Amino acid sequence: MHRPSLTTQYHIVRMFYEVAFLDGQRRAAMKLSPEAQERLTLLLAMVAGDPVDPICPVRGQRRHFDRRSMLLPAIVKAAGRTSRATIFDMSPGGMFLVTQLEVEVGDVMLAKIGEPGMVQYSFPCRVVRVEQRGGSYQVALALSGIPLEVHYGGQPFGEELQIRTSA
């Protein structure tokens, strides 16, 4: 399966962040500016899923968003525990990753993805499927809530934090 370059993958994560951020605001009944509403409409059209996804386990079930193949490192947190993870695919509605962190369906998890020392995206998620393989867990996550974008100002170890609170 073809995966885009690492830089392109981070651009895709940025686009998915923007969709999740704007859509999360809309779902929380926060008023979007006309420009933000137009941007959300454009982004939703770009990431719309197939009418019928052949991979979906329920025959004829529609995926809301197109999934993109990835191979990105991440940090995941759940129930006060933290672990490294590898993301294998992602959409504005969720992601699939492998981690050493033991989780159960229904657990709340935070997935942090980012370019070291530059920008980090924190996606609040809910575990929807888990399969144990040896000492690893294959985890399907549904994004929930409004994600956060953190800029590190080019400092190598996260100094001078700036937190973005609006699109």
Protein backbone atom coordinates (compact mmCIF):
# COMPACT_ATOMS: atom_id res chain seq x y z
CA MET A 1 0.00 0.00 0.00
CA HIS A 2 1.37 3.42 -0.99
CA ARG A 3 1.99 5.90 1.83
CA PRO A 4 2.78 9.55 1.14
CA SER A 5 6.01 11.16 2.38
CA LEU A 6 6.29 12.08 6.04
CA THR A 7 5.84 15.79 5.26
CA THR A 8 2.70 15.04 3.24
CA GLN A 9 1.36 12.86 6.06
CA TYR A 10 1.75 15.76 8.52
CA HIS A 11 -0.08 18.03 6.05
CA ILE A 12 -2.92 15.49 5.92
CA VAL A 13 -3.01 15.36 9.75
CA ARG A 14 -3.20 19.19 9.73
CA MET A 15 -6.16 19.07 7.33
CA PHE A 16 -7.92 16.41 9.43
CA TYR A 17 -7.25 18.50 12.55
CA GLU A 18 -8.87 21.51 10.88
CA VAL A 19 -11.96 19.50 9.89
CA ALA A 20 -12.28 18.01 13.40
CA PHE A 21 -11.68 21.42 15.03
CA LEU A 22 -14.27 23.31 12.96
CA ASP A 23 -16.80 20.47 12.99
CA GLY A 24 -16.32 20.07 16.75
CA GLN A 25 -17.05 23.76 17.26
CA ARG A 26 -20.16 23.49 15.07
CA ARG A 27 -21.39 20.41 16.96
CA ALA A 28 -20.83 22.21 20.27
CA ALA A 29 -23.20 24.94 19.00
CA MET A 30 -20.37 27.47 18.76
CA LYS A 31 -21.06 30.03 16.05
CA LEU A 32 -18.66 29.77 13.12
CA SER A 33 -17.78 32.85 11.08
CA PRO A 34 -18.94 32.78 7.45
CA GLU A 35 -15.31 32.21 6.40
CA ALA A 36 -14.90 29.29 8.84
CA GLN A 37 -18.23 27.78 7.68
CA GLU A 38 -17.11 28.07 4.05
CA ARG A 39 -13.74 26.48 4.91
CA LEU A 40 -15.47 23.62 6.75
CA THR A 41 -17.80 22.99 3.80
CA LEU A 42 -14.83 22.88 1.41
CA LEU A 43 -12.81 20.57 3.68
CA LEU A 44 -15.78 18.23 4.25
CA ALA A 45 -16.20 17.89 0.48
CA MET A 46 -12.48 17.06 0.14
CA VAL A 47 -12.55 14.29 2.76
CA ALA A 48 -16.01 12.79 2.12
CA GLY A 49 -16.04 9.01 2.22
CA ASP A 50 -17.23 6.60 -0.42
CA PRO A 51 -21.00 6.02 -0.55
CA VAL A 52 -20.34 2.37 0.33
CA ASP A 53 -17.03 1.33 1.87
CA PRO A 54 -16.12 -2.27 0.94
CA ILE A 55 -13.85 -2.56 4.02
CA CYS A 56 -16.66 -1.63 6.43
CA PRO A 57 -17.83 -4.75 8.34
CA VAL A 58 -21.53 -3.92 8.02
CA ARG A 59 -22.66 -4.42 4.43
CA GLY A 60 -23.68 -1.14 2.87
CA GLN A 61 -22.57 1.01 5.81
CA ARG A 62 -21.34 4.42 4.68
CA ARG A 63 -18.07 5.91 5.93
CA HIS A 64 -18.44 9.61 6.63
CA PHE A 65 -14.80 10.35 5.82
CA ASP A 66 -12.14 8.98 3.50
CA ARG A 67 -9.35 7.15 5.37
CA ARG A 68 -5.72 7.87 4.49
CA SER A 69 -2.90 5.39 4.89
CA MET A 70 -0.20 6.65 7.27
CA LEU A 71 2.85 5.50 9.13
CA LEU A 72 3.28 8.12 11.86
CA PRO A 73 4.61 7.98 15.40
CA ALA A 74 2.27 9.16 18.15
CA ILE A 75 1.95 9.30 21.91
CA VAL A 76 -1.26 7.96 23.43
CA LYS A 77 -2.63 8.50 26.93
CA ALA A 78 -5.45 6.66 28.68
CA ALA A 79 -6.37 6.25 32.35
CA GLY A 80 -3.23 8.07 33.52
CA ARG A 81 -0.91 5.85 31.45
CA THR A 82 1.18 6.88 28.43
CA SER A 83 2.70 4.87 25.58
CA ARG A 84 4.18 5.25 22.13
CA ALA A 85 2.02 4.25 19.16
CA THR A 86 2.16 3.99 15.40
CA ILE A 87 -0.76 5.33 13.36
CA PHE A 88 -1.55 3.25 10.27
CA ASP A 89 -4.57 5.11 8.96
CA MET A 90 -6.53 8.21 9.83
CA SER A 91 -9.55 10.28 8.84
CA PRO A 92 -11.20 13.36 10.36
CA GLY A 93 -13.46 10.91 12.22
CA GLY A 94 -10.93 8.48 13.67
CA MET A 95 -7.72 6.54 13.38
CA PHE A 96 -6.24 3.06 13.58
CA LEU A 97 -3.04 2.55 15.57
CA VAL A 98 -0.89 -0.05 17.27
CA THR A 99 0.37 0.50 20.82
CA GLN A 100 1.65 -1.34 23.89
CA LEU A 101 -0.98 0.43 26.03
CA GLU A 102 -3.72 -1.93 27.17
CA VAL A 103 -7.14 -0.33 26.58
CA GLU A 104 -10.73 -1.49 26.35
CA VAL A 105 -13.64 -0.54 24.13
CA GLY A 106 -15.22 2.63 25.51
CA ASP A 107 -12.01 3.98 27.10
CA VAL A 108 -11.23 7.64 26.56
CA MET A 109 -7.82 8.23 25.00
CA LEU A 110 -5.74 11.21 23.89
CA ALA A 111 -3.63 10.73 20.75
CA LYS A 112 -0.80 13.24 20.22
CA ILE A 113 0.69 13.56 16.75
CA GLY A 114 3.25 16.09 15.69
CA GLU A 115 6.45 17.22 14.14
CA PRO A 116 9.12 17.20 16.86
CA GLY A 117 9.72 20.69 18.19
CA MET A 118 7.24 22.36 15.86
CA VAL A 119 3.51 21.58 16.02
CA GLN A 120 1.60 18.92 17.92
CA TYR A 121 -2.04 17.93 17.46
CA SER A 122 -3.89 16.38 20.40
CA PHE A 123 -6.98 14.43 19.41
CA PRO A 124 -9.44 13.34 22.13
CA CYS A 125 -10.72 9.88 21.18
CA ARG A 126 -12.89 7.00 22.28
CA VAL A 127 -11.78 3.38 21.77
CA VAL A 128 -14.25 1.58 19.48
CA ARG A 129 -12.34 -1.64 18.75
CA VAL A 130 -9.32 -3.44 20.26
CA GLU A 131 -7.53 -6.58 19.16
CA GLN A 132 -4.55 -7.95 21.08
CA ARG A 133 -1.69 -9.33 18.99
CA GLY A 134 1.16 -10.64 21.14
CA GLY A 135 2.19 -7.78 23.42
CA SER A 136 0.62 -5.11 21.20
CA TYR A 137 -2.89 -3.78 20.81
CA GLN A 138 -4.49 -2.83 17.50
CA VAL A 139 -6.83 0.00 18.37
CA ALA A 140 -9.56 1.71 16.36
CA LEU A 141 -10.42 5.16 17.70
CA ALA A 142 -13.31 7.54 17.03
CA LEU A 143 -12.40 11.20 17.45
CA SER A 144 -14.51 12.95 20.06
CA GLY A 145 -14.53 16.55 21.17
CA ILE A 146 -12.45 19.41 19.82
CA PRO A 147 -8.76 18.71 19.10
CA LEU A 148 -5.96 21.03 20.19
CA GLU A 149 -3.08 22.43 18.14
CA VAL A 150 0.06 23.39 20.07
CA HIS A 151 2.92 25.39 18.52
CA TYR A 152 6.36 25.09 20.07
CA GLY A 153 7.80 28.25 18.50
CA GLY A 154 10.66 26.33 16.90
CA GLN A 155 12.20 25.55 20.30
CA PRO A 156 13.54 21.99 20.44
CA PHE A 157 11.93 20.79 23.67
CA GLY A 158 8.56 22.51 23.78
CA GLU A 159 9.69 25.75 25.40
CA GLU A 160 7.66 28.92 24.82
CA LEU A 161 4.34 27.15 24.37
CA GLN A 162 1.65 28.91 22.38
CA ILE A 163 -1.76 27.30 22.33
CA ARG A 164 -4.02 27.96 19.37
CA THR A 165 -7.62 28.39 20.44
CA SER A 166 -9.31 29.42 17.21
CA ALA A 167 -9.16 28.61 13.53
